[in-house]
Amino acid sequence: MRRILIVGAGQSGLQLALGLQSHGYEVTVMSNRTADEVRSGRVMSTQCMFHTALQHERDLGLNFWESRAPRIEGLGISVAGPDGGRAIDWVGRLEGYAQSVDQRLKMAGWMDTFVQRGGKLVIHGATVSDLDFLTRTYDLTLVAAGKGELVELFDRDPARSPYTTPQRALAVAYVHGLGPRPEHPGFDAVRCNLVPGVGELFVMPTLTLSGRADILFWEGVPGGPLDVFQPLDDPAEHLARTLELMETFTPWEYARATEVELTDAGGTLAGRYAPTVRHPVGELPGGGVVLGVADVVVANDPITGQGSNTAARCAAGYLDSILEHGDKPFDADWMRATFDRFWATARHVTQWTNTMLAPPPEHVVNLLGAGMAHQAVADRFANGFDDPSDFEHFLYEPEKTAAFVAAAAG
């Protein structure tokens, strides 16, 4: 039986651990927090997972909350106009529904399941010196903890990382009491509100510890009017600032948020990081090698909502590569080949995300505008959140965008 160590207990690390466990591997997971500490802690992300990523969970029987989480059947885009209204506003229908489950609920549940099924869970914040020793006793070590000193094992790939500083200041609030959107009665949708030159507000239904809720997520251009959440430790003040900014920049969303309250004291989060792609193989002082997982090696800005989706795809791809490798050694060449297999899909997310961080060129503005006139445009753009590779066919080049819009109009 092959022995595998996974450092990190997030979406990718636990999904991969539970997948390997189901195939008879002896798996150890290292986490810096217990399941109870995760469950009672602060929210960790905004995770909206689309059909393909959800299917990876279903394939492993890990979709424990699917019947309880809201079914997100649409994705809407609004662009603020100079008069305070919406210059662009539409909703695309998803071919397969999306869902969001608070990672405090999901990761704690998966940790408990991993232990119940016989997995070894070690509560310890791993260091480089720990890995230097531990890699000698495992056939394969994977680093799925995207923060701390372990990330420094993986060198930045400048050819794939155009940004060296954070491109957005991030602020999240989980709330109860948000009113419905009158534009799409009868179904839930993620709403993406773009405020040119200022930032973006995302509103999404979720399942949290206390049941159905909504996430209010501001992404602000650094140094701009939305960059007001750090340092800010008071959850009530965090929510108050969130609502003030909504009233100023997205009054159509504020109109349904006048009665909201935080889901719990841990329902807010703020931060920023530079989008970065790293080389996948980390070399330890003693000569051992480790493989980076998900946002350890591909950390995109959350502007396109792809973090958990990319993590799920990474875990699924790594699982297949490990199973196919059999009893052969997990050397650096295998690690690079395994990452390249993941990058073949992840590169589409990185290209799309970096494109959306920049001011939109005229053809992209025209494309978003066409979504109001042609439902086919709105639907295809919305479904690109599940399959970002499709954006190559109609988003990046003006000629392809014009041809697509013309075909939709015809």
Protein backbone atom coordinates (compact mmCIF):
# COMPACT_ATOMS: atom_id res chain seq x y z
CA MET A 1 0.00 0.00 0.00
CA ARG A 2 1.46 3.33 -1.07
CA ARG A 3 1.75 6.03 1.59
CA ILE A 4 0.84 9.61 0.67
CA LEU A 5 1.09 12.80 2.73
CA ILE A 6 -1.08 15.81 1.93
CA VAL A 7 -0.32 19.06 3.73
CA GLY A 8 -3.43 21.24 3.77
CA ALA A 9 -7.10 20.52 4.41
CA GLY A 10 -8.91 22.68 1.89
CA GLN A 11 -11.01 21.87 -1.18
CA SER A 12 -8.22 20.27 -3.18
CA GLY A 13 -6.31 18.61 -0.36
CA LEU A 14 -9.31 16.92 1.23
CA GLN A 15 -10.98 16.01 -2.07
CA LEU A 16 -7.75 14.34 -3.18
CA ALA A 17 -7.24 12.65 0.21
CA LEU A 18 -10.75 11.19 0.23
CA GLY A 19 -10.37 10.07 -3.39
CA LEU A 20 -7.09 8.30 -2.70
CA GLN A 21 -8.54 6.78 0.46
CA SER A 22 -11.39 5.28 -1.55
CA HIS A 23 -8.80 3.53 -3.74
CA GLY A 24 -6.98 1.95 -0.82
CA TYR A 25 -4.07 4.34 -0.39
CA GLU A 26 -2.72 5.04 3.08
CA VAL A 27 -3.23 8.79 3.35
CA THR A 28 -2.13 11.26 6.01
CA VAL A 29 -3.49 14.81 6.02
CA MET A 30 -1.78 17.59 7.96
CA SER A 31 -3.92 20.56 8.99
CA ASN A 32 -3.16 23.52 11.21
CA ARG A 33 -6.72 23.40 12.59
CA THR A 34 -9.12 20.76 13.87
CA ALA A 35 -12.52 20.25 12.26
CA ASP A 36 -14.17 22.01 15.20
CA GLU A 37 -11.80 24.96 14.88
CA VAL A 38 -12.61 25.23 11.17
CA ARG A 39 -16.33 25.01 11.86
CA SER A 40 -16.27 27.73 14.52
CA GLY A 41 -13.79 30.00 12.75
CA ARG A 42 -14.01 32.79 10.21
CA VAL A 43 -15.31 32.29 6.67
CA MET A 44 -12.55 31.32 4.24
CA SER A 45 -13.85 32.09 0.77
CA THR A 46 -16.81 32.81 -1.52
CA GLN A 47 -16.78 29.41 -3.27
CA CYS A 48 -19.38 29.21 -6.04
CA MET A 49 -18.85 25.86 -7.73
CA PHE A 50 -20.17 25.18 -11.20
CA HIS A 51 -21.36 21.95 -12.79
CA THR A 52 -18.03 20.34 -13.71
CA ALA A 53 -16.50 20.95 -10.28
CA LEU A 54 -19.64 19.72 -8.54
CA GLN A 55 -19.52 16.56 -10.64
CA HIS A 56 -16.03 15.79 -9.36
CA GLU A 57 -17.48 15.80 -5.85
CA ARG A 58 -20.43 13.65 -6.92
CA ASP A 59 -18.07 11.13 -8.53
CA LEU A 60 -16.45 10.58 -5.12
CA GLY A 61 -19.73 10.61 -3.19
CA LEU A 62 -18.73 13.81 -1.36
CA ASN A 63 -21.74 15.96 -2.29
CA PHE A 64 -23.16 15.76 1.24
CA TRP A 65 -24.89 19.16 1.11
CA GLU A 66 -26.28 19.12 -2.44
CA SER A 67 -29.88 18.67 -1.39
CA ARG A 68 -29.68 21.60 1.06
CA ALA A 69 -27.63 24.20 -0.80
CA PRO A 70 -29.43 26.69 -3.07
CA ARG A 71 -29.44 25.72 -6.74
CA ILE A 72 -27.92 28.58 -8.69
CA GLU A 73 -29.48 28.40 -12.15
CA GLY A 74 -28.37 31.72 -13.59
CA LEU A 75 -25.56 34.23 -13.71
CA GLY A 76 -26.22 37.93 -14.19
CA ILE A 77 -24.01 40.79 -15.30
CA SER A 78 -24.72 44.42 -14.48
CA VAL A 79 -22.52 47.38 -15.44
CA ALA A 80 -22.98 50.64 -13.59
CA GLY A 81 -23.59 53.68 -15.75
CA PRO A 82 -22.52 57.28 -15.09
CA ASP A 83 -26.00 58.22 -13.86
CA GLY A 84 -25.99 55.68 -11.02
CA GLY A 85 -28.20 53.22 -12.89
CA ARG A 86 -27.33 50.15 -14.91
CA ALA A 87 -25.99 50.67 -18.41
CA ILE A 88 -25.95 46.90 -18.94
CA ASP A 89 -28.06 44.29 -17.15
CA TRP A 90 -28.87 40.72 -18.09
CA VAL A 91 -29.09 37.15 -16.75
CA GLY A 92 -27.76 34.06 -18.51
CA ARG A 93 -29.16 30.60 -17.72
CA LEU A 94 -26.72 27.88 -16.69
CA GLU A 95 -26.96 24.50 -18.39
CA GLY A 96 -26.15 22.77 -15.09
CA TYR A 97 -26.81 24.43 -11.76
CA ALA A 98 -24.06 25.80 -9.52
CA GLN A 99 -23.89 25.72 -5.72
CA SER A 100 -22.02 27.37 -2.88
CA VAL A 101 -21.38 25.68 0.47
CA ASP A 102 -19.57 27.60 3.22
CA GLN A 103 -16.15 25.99 3.44
CA ARG A 104 -16.37 25.96 7.23
CA LEU A 105 -19.25 23.52 6.83
CA LYS A 106 -17.74 21.52 3.98
CA MET A 107 -14.12 21.23 5.11
CA ALA A 108 -15.05 20.35 8.68
CA GLY A 109 -17.45 17.69 7.38
CA TRP A 110 -14.87 16.25 4.99
CA MET A 111 -12.23 16.16 7.74
CA ASP A 112 -14.60 14.22 9.99
CA THR A 113 -15.42 11.83 7.13
CA PHE A 114 -11.73 11.28 6.34
CA VAL A 115 -11.05 10.27 9.95
CA GLN A 116 -14.18 8.12 10.18
CA ARG A 117 -13.01 6.19 7.10
CA GLY A 118 -9.66 5.42 8.73
CA GLY A 119 -7.52 8.32 7.52
CA LYS A 120 -4.80 9.81 9.68
CA LEU A 121 -5.34 13.49 10.43
CA VAL A 122 -2.39 15.28 12.06
CA ILE A 123 -3.09 18.70 13.57
CA HIS A 124 0.15 20.55 13.08
CA GLY A 125 1.28 23.60 11.14
CA ALA A 126 3.90 21.99 8.91
CA THR A 127 7.26 23.66 8.28
CA VAL A 128 9.92 23.07 5.66
CA SER A 129 12.01 21.18 8.22
CA ASP A 130 9.01 18.95 8.98
CA LEU A 131 8.67 18.06 5.31
CA ASP A 132 12.39 17.52 4.98
CA PHE A 133 12.02 14.69 7.51
CA LEU A 134 8.57 13.40 6.54
CA THR A 135 9.20 12.97 2.81
CA ARG A 136 11.57 10.12 3.64
CA THR A 137 8.71 8.06 5.06
CA TYR A 138 6.11 8.69 2.34
CA ASP A 139 5.98 7.67 -1.31
CA LEU A 140 4.57 11.07 -2.28
CA THR A 141 4.14 14.40 -0.50
CA LEU A 142 1.76 17.06 -1.78
CA VAL A 143 1.52 20.64 -0.51
CA ALA A 144 -2.04 21.95 -0.66
CA ALA A 145 -1.68 24.73 1.94
CA GLY A 146 -1.69 27.99 0.00
CA LYS A 147 -0.28 30.21 2.74
CA GLY A 148 2.80 30.29 4.94
CA GLU A 149 6.41 29.34 4.43
CA LEU A 150 5.69 26.17 2.45
CA VAL A 151 4.54 28.22 -0.53
CA GLU A 152 8.05 29.66 -0.76
CA LEU A 153 9.27 26.21 -1.81
CA PHE A 154 7.68 26.86 -5.20
CA ASP A 155 9.32 29.49 -7.38
CA ARG A 156 7.16 32.06 -9.16
CA ASP A 157 6.81 31.46 -12.90
CA PRO A 158 7.25 34.98 -14.35
CA ALA A 159 6.20 33.90 -17.84
CA ARG A 160 2.75 32.97 -16.51
CA SER A 161 2.45 35.66 -13.82
CA PRO A 162 1.96 39.12 -15.35
CA TYR A 163 1.13 40.75 -12.01
CA THR A 164 3.52 41.25 -9.10
CA THR A 165 1.12 43.10 -6.78
CA PRO A 166 -2.51 42.54 -5.71
CA GLN A 167 -4.99 43.76 -8.30
CA ARG A 168 -8.00 43.90 -5.99
CA ALA A 169 -8.75 44.52 -2.31
CA LEU A 170 -11.19 41.81 -1.22
CA ALA A 171 -14.02 42.07 1.31
CA VAL A 172 -16.63 39.39 2.05
CA ALA A 173 -19.75 39.39 4.23
CA TYR A 174 -22.15 36.45 4.75
CA VAL A 175 -25.67 37.72 5.47
CA HIS A 176 -29.23 36.68 6.18
CA GLY A 177 -32.21 38.77 5.10
CA LEU A 178 -31.31 39.74 1.52
CA GLY A 179 -34.38 40.37 -0.57
CA PRO A 180 -35.03 38.69 -3.96
CA ARG A 181 -33.97 40.09 -7.32
CA PRO A 182 -37.20 41.01 -9.16
CA GLU A 183 -35.54 40.42 -12.56
CA HIS A 184 -35.47 36.66 -12.12
CA PRO A 185 -38.26 35.45 -9.84
CA GLY A 186 -38.38 31.73 -9.26
CA PHE A 187 -34.68 30.90 -9.54
CA ASP A 188 -31.41 31.80 -7.86
CA ALA A 189 -28.56 33.50 -9.68
CA VAL A 190 -25.12 34.88 -8.97
CA ARG A 191 -25.01 38.60 -9.69
CA CYS A 192 -21.81 40.23 -10.98
CA ASN A 193 -21.95 44.01 -10.72
CA LEU A 194 -19.15 45.85 -12.51
CA VAL A 195 -18.38 49.45 -11.53
CA PRO A 196 -15.87 50.77 -14.11
CA GLY A 197 -12.68 52.10 -12.58
CA VAL A 198 -13.83 51.21 -9.05
CA GLY A 199 -14.28 47.45 -8.77
CA GLU A 200 -16.92 44.74 -8.63
CA LEU A 201 -19.67 43.53 -6.30
CA PHE A 202 -20.64 39.87 -6.41
CA VAL A 203 -23.80 38.60 -4.74
CA MET A 204 -24.35 34.86 -4.46
CA PRO A 205 -26.66 32.47 -2.60
CA THR A 206 -24.93 30.02 -0.28
CA LEU A 207 -25.47 27.42 2.42
CA THR A 208 -23.80 28.30 5.69
CA LEU A 209 -23.78 26.94 9.23
CA SER A 210 -27.15 28.54 9.98
CA GLY A 211 -28.81 27.58 6.68
CA ARG A 212 -29.55 29.54 3.53
CA ALA A 213 -27.65 32.84 3.24
CA ASP A 214 -26.15 35.22 0.71
CA ILE A 215 -22.59 36.43 0.18
CA LEU A 216 -21.80 40.11 -0.49
CA PHE A 217 -18.33 40.28 -2.00
CA TRP A 218 -16.58 43.51 -2.95
CA GLU A 219 -13.47 43.51 -5.13
CA GLY A 220 -11.96 46.98 -5.08
CA VAL A 221 -9.22 48.52 -7.20
CA PRO A 222 -6.34 49.09 -4.71
CA GLY A 223 -6.24 52.67 -3.47
CA GLY A 224 -9.76 53.35 -4.71
CA PRO A 225 -13.01 54.04 -2.85
CA LEU A 226 -13.61 50.33 -2.14
CA ASP A 227 -10.21 49.83 -0.53
CA VAL A 228 -11.46 50.58 3.00
CA PHE A 229 -11.62 47.21 4.76
CA GLN A 230 -8.09 46.75 6.08
CA PRO A 231 -7.31 46.99 8.91
CA LEU A 232 -10.87 46.41 10.14
CA ASP A 233 -11.57 43.77 12.78
CA ASP A 234 -15.12 44.69 13.79
CA PRO A 235 -17.64 42.53 11.83
CA ALA A 236 -20.44 45.03 12.36
CA GLU A 237 -18.34 47.86 10.93
CA HIS A 238 -17.32 45.61 8.03
CA LEU A 239 -20.99 45.05 7.15
CA ALA A 240 -21.81 48.74 7.57
CA ARG A 241 -19.06 49.71 5.10
CA THR A 242 -20.21 47.01 2.69
CA LEU A 243 -23.72 48.44 2.68
CA GLU A 244 -22.56 52.06 2.41
CA LEU A 245 -20.57 51.19 -0.69
CA MET A 246 -23.54 49.30 -2.14
CA GLU A 247 -25.77 52.32 -1.62
CA THR A 248 -23.23 54.53 -3.40
CA PHE A 249 -22.13 52.33 -6.29
CA THR A 250 -24.81 49.63 -6.75
CA PRO A 251 -28.07 51.11 -5.45
CA TRP A 252 -30.11 48.40 -7.21
CA GLU A 253 -28.41 45.81 -4.98
CA TYR A 254 -28.59 47.99 -1.87
CA ALA A 255 -32.38 48.24 -2.31
CA ARG A 256 -32.72 44.58 -1.37
CA ALA A 257 -30.08 44.66 1.39
CA THR A 258 -31.62 47.15 3.80
CA GLU A 259 -32.68 44.42 6.27
CA VAL A 260 -29.60 42.18 6.17
CA GLU A 261 -27.61 41.03 9.18
CA LEU A 262 -24.43 38.97 9.46
CA THR A 263 -24.90 35.22 9.66
CA ASP A 264 -22.46 35.02 12.59
CA ALA A 265 -19.48 36.76 14.17
CA GLY A 266 -17.14 34.93 11.80
CA GLY A 267 -19.06 35.92 8.68
CA THR A 268 -16.62 38.53 7.34
CA LEU A 269 -13.25 38.35 5.63
CA ALA A 270 -10.89 40.87 4.04
CA GLY A 271 -7.51 40.60 2.33
CA ARG A 272 -5.56 40.79 -0.91
CA TYR A 273 -2.92 38.82 -2.79
CA ALA A 274 -1.07 38.98 -6.06
CA PRO A 275 -2.26 36.48 -8.70
CA THR A 276 0.66 34.09 -9.18
CA VAL A 277 1.53 30.91 -11.07
CA ARG A 278 4.40 28.93 -9.55
CA HIS A 279 6.58 26.07 -10.70
CA PRO A 280 5.05 22.82 -9.42
CA VAL A 281 8.04 21.06 -7.84
CA GLY A 282 9.42 22.19 -4.51
CA GLU A 283 12.90 21.06 -3.55
CA LEU A 284 13.67 20.45 0.12
CA PRO A 285 17.04 21.09 1.77
CA GLY A 286 17.63 17.36 2.19
CA GLY A 287 17.07 16.60 -1.48
CA GLY A 288 13.44 15.50 -1.36
CA VAL A 289 10.78 16.89 -3.69
CA VAL A 290 7.14 17.82 -3.11
CA LEU A 291 4.31 18.60 -5.54
CA GLY A 292 2.28 21.80 -5.24
CA VAL A 293 -1.50 21.57 -5.42
CA ALA A 294 -4.19 24.02 -6.61
CA ASP A 295 -3.66 27.60 -5.39
CA VAL A 296 -0.20 26.78 -4.11
CA VAL A 297 0.84 26.72 -7.77
CA VAL A 298 -2.02 28.54 -9.54
CA ALA A 299 -3.46 31.38 -7.45
CA ASN A 300 -5.87 33.47 -9.51
CA ASP A 301 -7.74 36.53 -8.32
CA PRO A 302 -11.31 35.54 -7.33
CA ILE A 303 -12.86 38.03 -9.77
CA THR A 304 -14.06 35.14 -11.96
CA GLY A 305 -15.12 32.89 -9.07
CA GLN A 306 -12.85 30.04 -10.08
CA GLY A 307 -10.86 29.22 -6.92
CA SER A 308 -12.83 26.21 -5.70
CA ASN A 309 -13.56 25.09 -9.26
CA THR A 310 -9.86 25.07 -10.12
CA ALA A 311 -9.07 23.28 -6.86
CA ALA A 312 -11.62 20.56 -7.62
CA ARG A 313 -10.26 20.11 -11.14
CA CYS A 314 -6.71 19.92 -9.78
CA ALA A 315 -7.65 17.26 -7.24
CA ALA A 316 -9.46 15.22 -9.88
CA GLY A 317 -6.54 15.42 -12.30
CA TYR A 318 -3.92 14.60 -9.68
CA LEU A 319 -6.00 11.64 -8.50
CA ASP A 320 -6.10 10.23 -12.03
CA SER A 321 -2.35 10.74 -12.46
CA ILE A 322 -1.55 9.00 -9.17
CA LEU A 323 -3.80 6.04 -9.94
CA GLU A 324 -2.37 5.66 -13.45
CA HIS A 325 1.21 5.76 -12.14
CA GLY A 326 0.85 2.53 -10.21
CA ASP A 327 3.95 1.47 -8.26
CA LYS A 328 6.45 3.64 -10.12
CA PRO A 329 8.36 6.32 -8.18
CA PHE A 330 6.84 9.77 -7.88
CA ASP A 331 9.88 11.67 -9.11
CA ALA A 332 10.20 15.30 -10.21
CA ASP A 333 9.55 14.43 -13.86
CA TRP A 334 6.26 12.78 -12.94
CA MET A 335 5.35 15.80 -10.82
CA ARG A 336 5.95 18.20 -13.68
CA ALA A 337 3.96 16.04 -16.09
CA THR A 338 1.09 15.85 -13.60
CA PHE A 339 1.06 19.62 -13.22
CA ASP A 340 1.20 20.11 -17.00
CA ARG A 341 -1.92 17.99 -17.29
CA PHE A 342 -3.64 20.27 -14.77
CA TRP A 343 -2.29 23.43 -16.42
CA ALA A 344 -3.87 22.42 -19.72
CA THR A 345 -7.23 23.39 -18.16
CA ALA A 346 -6.03 25.87 -15.52
CA ARG A 347 -4.40 28.12 -18.14
CA HIS A 348 -7.82 29.04 -19.46
CA VAL A 349 -8.86 30.25 -16.01
CA THR A 350 -5.68 32.28 -15.62
CA GLN A 351 -6.04 33.92 -19.03
CA TRP A 352 -9.69 34.78 -18.43
CA THR A 353 -9.10 36.06 -14.90
CA ASN A 354 -6.17 38.27 -15.88
CA THR A 355 -8.23 39.64 -18.76
CA MET A 356 -11.09 40.58 -16.45
CA LEU A 357 -8.74 42.36 -14.03
CA ALA A 358 -7.73 44.85 -16.73
CA PRO A 359 -9.98 47.66 -18.04
CA PRO A 360 -12.18 46.03 -20.69
CA PRO A 361 -11.41 46.80 -24.34
CA GLU A 362 -14.17 48.05 -26.58
CA HIS A 363 -15.05 44.65 -28.06
CA VAL A 364 -15.59 43.16 -24.57
CA VAL A 365 -17.86 46.07 -23.62
CA ASN A 366 -19.79 45.46 -26.83
CA LEU A 367 -20.05 41.76 -26.00
CA LEU A 368 -21.48 42.48 -22.56
CA GLY A 369 -23.91 44.94 -24.09
CA ALA A 370 -25.03 42.33 -26.62
CA GLY A 371 -26.14 40.12 -23.74
CA MET A 372 -29.08 42.50 -23.22
CA ALA A 373 -30.30 42.07 -26.78
CA HIS A 374 -29.50 38.41 -27.37
CA GLN A 375 -30.15 35.69 -24.80
CA ALA A 376 -27.75 33.38 -26.61
CA VAL A 377 -24.90 35.77 -25.80
CA ALA A 378 -25.90 35.98 -22.14
CA ASP A 379 -26.26 32.21 -21.83
CA ARG A 380 -22.93 31.42 -23.45
CA PHE A 381 -21.05 33.95 -21.33
CA ALA A 382 -22.67 32.57 -18.18
CA ASN A 383 -21.74 29.00 -19.04
CA GLY A 384 -18.14 30.06 -19.58
CA PHE A 385 -17.90 30.11 -15.78
CA ASP A 386 -18.19 26.32 -15.94
CA ASP A 387 -15.98 25.91 -19.02
CA PRO A 388 -13.56 28.85 -19.26
CA SER A 389 -11.86 27.31 -22.30
CA ASP A 390 -14.85 28.44 -24.36
CA PHE A 391 -13.87 32.10 -23.94
CA GLU A 392 -11.08 31.54 -26.45
CA HIS A 393 -13.76 31.32 -29.12
CA PHE A 394 -15.46 34.66 -28.53
CA LEU A 395 -13.89 36.88 -25.86
CA TYR A 396 -10.24 37.75 -26.45
CA GLU A 397 -10.10 38.74 -30.11
CA PRO A 398 -12.32 41.48 -31.58
CA GLU A 399 -12.91 39.54 -34.79
CA LYS A 400 -14.14 36.44 -32.96
CA THR A 401 -16.33 38.56 -30.68
CA ALA A 402 -17.92 40.33 -33.65
CA ALA A 403 -18.53 37.05 -35.47
CA PHE A 404 -20.14 35.50 -32.40
CA VAL A 405 -22.43 38.48 -31.76
CA ALA A 406 -23.41 38.59 -35.42
CA ALA A 407 -24.27 34.91 -35.38
CA ALA A 408 -26.32 35.35 -32.20
CA ALA A 409 -28.17 38.28 -33.75
CA GLY A 410 -28.87 36.27 -36.88
